[in-house]
């Protein structure tokens, strides 16, 4: 009976609703669907949180969490915002390649993306900056992100001064050192947890100037 139960359990692993046996020719519809399902799940505080990895031209890596603000399907891209003068910004300017990972624990899913990176247009960055809460705009404007500062008190003092000026003039423009980046996706890997570590995993890749994806299923 135990043998039969084990066989039944393994047989049940063949079917996976997340990644069908006949994989779609492109990954973006699935990636967007997973992303939107996570956003609808109230158990997540930041369903768009993504670990972003960058590297120096010498290949020294660094990683941190950023918030993905948009996934675009045509062309395939992912958008986030930060200080261009931060460590990640400086690394991206010198080595415009990045990798990102979403981990949606409640769905037992993971999505990995890779691609080349370009800046968003100033108009796009201006438009997004205006949607941010005033305090967040102030923080972006006064923070020399990743740089050494003399004290936190000085940083808060600068924020108060800028906030006072902004309240008087009624406007706070986007600082030139802050804006968006767009990852032009050339690799997507989707992973879905299954019992017994027999997870389901697929990868789509393409050249940046190609429209068609190559797809393969990977061992877990």
Protein backbone atom coordinates (compact mmCIF):
# COMPACT_ATOMS: atom_id res chain seq x y z
CA UNK A 1 0.00 0.00 0.00
CA UNK A 2 2.82 2.40 0.84
CA UNK A 3 4.41 1.61 -2.53
CA UNK A 4 1.15 2.32 -4.36
CA UNK A 5 0.65 5.56 -2.43
CA UNK A 6 4.13 6.73 -3.40
CA UNK A 7 3.51 5.91 -7.07
CA UNK A 8 0.19 7.75 -6.99
CA UNK A 9 1.86 10.81 -5.44
CA UNK A 10 4.59 10.85 -8.08
CA UNK A 11 2.08 10.36 -10.88
CA UNK A 12 0.13 13.33 -9.60
CA UNK A 13 3.18 15.53 -10.09
CA UNK A 14 2.96 15.21 -13.87
CA UNK A 15 0.18 17.78 -14.05
CA UNK A 16 1.03 21.35 -13.14
CA UNK A 17 -1.42 24.18 -13.69
CA UNK A 18 1.30 26.83 -13.38
CA UNK A 19 3.51 25.57 -16.21
CA UNK A 20 1.58 23.46 -18.73
CA UNK A 21 3.25 20.52 -20.40
CA UNK A 22 3.09 22.34 -23.73
CA UNK A 23 4.96 25.50 -22.76
CA UNK A 24 3.81 28.72 -24.45
CA UNK A 25 6.17 30.18 -27.06
CA UNK A 26 6.70 33.33 -24.98
CA UNK A 27 6.89 33.95 -21.21
CA UNK A 28 5.37 37.38 -20.78
CA UNK A 29 1.69 36.44 -20.47
CA UNK A 30 2.54 33.92 -17.74
CA UNK A 31 4.86 36.36 -15.96
CA UNK A 32 2.23 39.10 -15.95
CA UNK A 33 -0.44 36.65 -14.77
CA UNK A 34 1.74 35.50 -11.85
CA UNK A 35 2.56 39.12 -11.01
CA UNK A 36 -1.11 40.16 -11.00
CA UNK A 37 -2.13 37.14 -8.90
CA UNK A 38 0.46 38.13 -6.30
CA UNK A 39 -0.81 41.73 -6.33
CA UNK A 40 -4.33 40.51 -5.61
CA UNK A 41 -3.13 38.40 -2.68
CA UNK A 42 -3.69 40.47 0.48
CA UNK A 43 -1.07 38.48 2.39
CA UNK A 44 1.71 40.36 0.58
CA UNK A 45 2.81 43.80 1.72
CA UNK A 46 4.93 44.37 -1.40
CA UNK A 47 4.05 41.82 -4.08
CA UNK A 48 6.14 43.83 -6.55
CA UNK A 49 9.31 43.54 -4.43
CA UNK A 50 12.19 42.22 -6.50
CA UNK A 51 15.78 41.37 -5.68
CA UNK A 52 17.88 43.30 -8.20
CA UNK A 53 21.44 42.22 -8.94
CA UNK A 54 23.97 44.47 -10.65
CA UNK A 55 27.72 44.22 -11.11
CA UNK A 56 30.75 46.36 -11.75
CA UNK A 57 32.59 46.08 -15.08
CA UNK A 58 35.00 43.75 -13.24
CA UNK A 59 32.12 41.43 -12.32
CA UNK A 60 31.81 42.28 -8.61
CA UNK A 61 28.11 41.74 -7.81
CA UNK A 62 25.73 43.50 -5.46
CA UNK A 63 22.02 42.95 -4.76
CA UNK A 64 19.16 44.74 -3.06
CA UNK A 65 15.35 44.87 -3.05
CA UNK A 66 13.59 47.32 -5.38
CA UNK A 67 9.93 47.73 -6.31
CA UNK A 68 8.93 46.81 -9.83
CA UNK A 69 6.52 49.49 -11.00
CA UNK A 70 5.53 48.03 -14.33
CA UNK A 71 5.94 44.92 -16.46
CA UNK A 72 5.65 45.64 -20.18
CA UNK A 73 4.95 42.90 -22.69
CA UNK A 74 5.77 44.50 -26.05
CA UNK A 75 8.64 44.95 -26.03
CA UNK A 76 9.30 42.81 -22.96
CA UNK A 77 10.60 45.06 -20.19
CA UNK A 78 10.45 45.80 -16.49
CA UNK A 79 10.53 49.28 -14.95
CA UNK A 80 11.83 50.47 -11.58
CA UNK A 81 12.96 53.81 -10.15
CA UNK A 82 15.97 54.83 -8.09
CA UNK A 83 18.76 57.35 -7.70
CA UNK A 84 21.09 57.36 -10.68
CA UNK A 85 23.89 58.18 -8.24
CA UNK A 86 23.23 55.19 -5.95
CA UNK A 87 25.52 52.17 -6.03
CA UNK A 88 23.16 50.29 -8.34
CA UNK A 89 22.82 53.37 -10.53
CA UNK A 90 26.57 53.78 -10.85
CA UNK A 91 27.00 50.09 -11.60
CA UNK A 92 24.26 50.13 -14.22
CA UNK A 93 25.80 53.13 -15.94
CA UNK A 94 29.14 51.32 -16.13
CA UNK A 95 27.73 47.84 -16.84
CA UNK A 96 24.15 48.04 -18.16
CA UNK A 97 23.11 44.47 -17.39
CA UNK A 98 20.90 43.31 -14.53
CA UNK A 99 19.12 40.29 -13.10
CA UNK A 100 16.01 40.27 -10.95
CA UNK A 101 14.13 37.74 -8.84
CA UNK A 102 10.53 37.78 -7.60
CA UNK A 103 9.70 35.32 -4.83
CA UNK A 104 5.99 34.88 -4.19
CA UNK A 105 6.12 32.57 -1.19
CA UNK A 106 2.36 32.14 -0.72
CA UNK A 107 1.98 30.93 -4.30
CA UNK A 108 5.22 28.93 -4.02
CA UNK A 109 6.49 30.61 -7.17
CA UNK A 110 9.65 32.32 -8.27
CA UNK A 111 10.39 34.35 -11.40
CA UNK A 112 13.86 35.30 -12.61
CA UNK A 113 14.55 37.88 -15.30
CA UNK A 114 17.72 39.08 -17.00
CA UNK A 115 18.37 41.80 -19.53
CA UNK A 116 20.13 44.95 -20.58
CA UNK A 117 19.24 48.23 -18.92
CA UNK A 118 18.44 51.70 -20.25
CA UNK A 119 17.13 54.81 -18.55
CA UNK A 120 13.48 55.70 -18.81
CA UNK A 121 12.77 58.94 -20.63
CA UNK A 122 12.78 62.14 -18.53
CA UNK A 123 9.07 62.53 -19.31
CA UNK A 124 8.28 59.08 -17.91
CA UNK A 125 10.33 59.73 -14.79
CA UNK A 126 8.66 63.14 -14.31
CA UNK A 127 5.20 61.61 -14.61
CA UNK A 128 5.93 58.85 -12.10
CA UNK A 129 7.65 61.22 -9.67
CA UNK A 130 4.49 63.35 -9.52
CA UNK A 131 2.47 60.31 -8.37
CA UNK A 132 4.68 59.66 -5.35
CA UNK A 133 3.68 60.91 -1.86
CA UNK A 134 5.28 64.26 -1.05
CA UNK A 135 7.42 62.77 1.71
CA UNK A 136 8.81 60.18 -0.71
CA UNK A 137 9.59 62.91 -3.23
CA UNK A 138 11.39 64.89 -0.56
CA UNK A 139 13.38 61.84 0.48
CA UNK A 140 14.43 61.15 -3.11
CA UNK A 141 15.50 64.75 -3.56
CA UNK A 142 17.63 65.15 -0.43
CA UNK A 143 19.18 61.69 -0.10
CA UNK A 144 22.62 61.16 -1.67
CA UNK A 145 21.77 57.48 -1.85
CA UNK A 146 24.61 55.04 -1.03
CA UNK A 147 26.97 57.91 -0.18
CA UNK A 148 28.47 58.56 3.24
CA UNK A 149 26.67 61.23 5.27
CA UNK A 150 27.75 63.11 8.38
CA UNK A 151 24.65 62.25 10.41
CA UNK A 152 21.04 61.17 10.12
CA UNK A 153 20.05 64.37 11.92
CA UNK A 154 21.55 66.41 9.09
CA UNK A 155 19.66 64.37 6.52
CA UNK A 156 16.33 64.87 8.32
CA UNK A 157 17.11 68.57 8.74
CA UNK A 158 17.66 68.89 4.99
CA UNK A 159 14.36 67.10 4.37
CA UNK A 160 12.51 69.49 6.69
CA UNK A 161 13.99 72.51 4.91
CA UNK A 162 13.04 71.16 1.50
CA UNK A 163 9.58 70.23 2.75
CA UNK A 164 9.06 73.77 4.03
CA UNK A 165 10.13 75.29 0.71
CA UNK A 166 7.91 72.85 -1.19
CA UNK A 167 4.91 73.73 0.96
CA UNK A 168 5.46 77.42 0.23
CA UNK A 169 5.90 77.07 -3.53
CA UNK A 170 3.42 74.22 -3.90
CA UNK A 171 5.61 72.10 -6.16
CA UNK A 172 8.62 69.82 -6.02
CA UNK A 173 10.26 68.92 -9.32
CA UNK A 174 12.00 65.62 -9.91
CA UNK A 175 15.71 65.96 -9.15
CA UNK A 176 17.92 65.16 -12.16
CA UNK A 177 19.76 62.45 -10.22
CA UNK A 178 16.59 60.37 -9.75
CA UNK A 179 14.50 58.49 -12.29
CA UNK A 180 13.54 55.25 -13.95
CA UNK A 181 15.36 52.32 -15.43
CA UNK A 182 13.93 49.85 -17.93
CA UNK A 183 15.28 46.29 -18.04
CA UNK A 184 14.92 45.05 -21.62
CA UNK A 185 14.25 41.40 -20.89
CA UNK A 186 16.12 38.69 -22.79
CA UNK A 187 15.65 35.83 -20.30
CA UNK A 188 12.73 34.74 -18.12
CA UNK A 189 12.74 31.71 -15.86
CA UNK A 190 9.58 30.62 -14.05
CA UNK A 191 9.67 28.18 -11.13
CA UNK A 192 6.76 26.52 -9.37
CA UNK A 193 7.23 24.46 -6.20
CA UNK A 194 6.08 20.85 -6.24
CA UNK A 195 6.27 18.01 -3.73
CA UNK A 196 9.45 16.06 -3.21
CA UNK A 197 11.59 18.83 -4.69
CA UNK A 198 10.32 17.82 -8.14
CA UNK A 199 9.62 21.46 -8.88
CA UNK A 200 8.49 22.67 -12.29
CA UNK A 201 10.85 25.05 -14.03
CA UNK A 202 11.02 26.60 -17.49
CA UNK A 203 13.22 29.19 -19.19
CA UNK A 204 12.68 31.44 -22.18
CA UNK A 205 15.61 33.23 -23.84
CA UNK A 206 16.15 35.37 -26.91
CA UNK A 207 18.61 37.76 -28.46
CA UNK A 208 17.75 41.37 -27.65
CA UNK A 209 17.00 42.24 -31.28
CA UNK A 210 14.92 39.08 -31.90
CA UNK A 211 11.17 38.76 -31.47
CA UNK A 212 10.98 34.97 -31.07
CA UNK A 213 11.81 33.20 -27.81
CA UNK A 214 13.50 29.85 -27.32
CA UNK A 215 11.88 27.83 -24.55
CA UNK A 216 13.06 24.81 -22.57
CA UNK A 217 11.99 22.97 -19.45
CA UNK A 218 14.70 22.67 -16.80
CA UNK A 219 15.36 20.09 -14.11
CA UNK A 220 14.75 21.46 -10.63
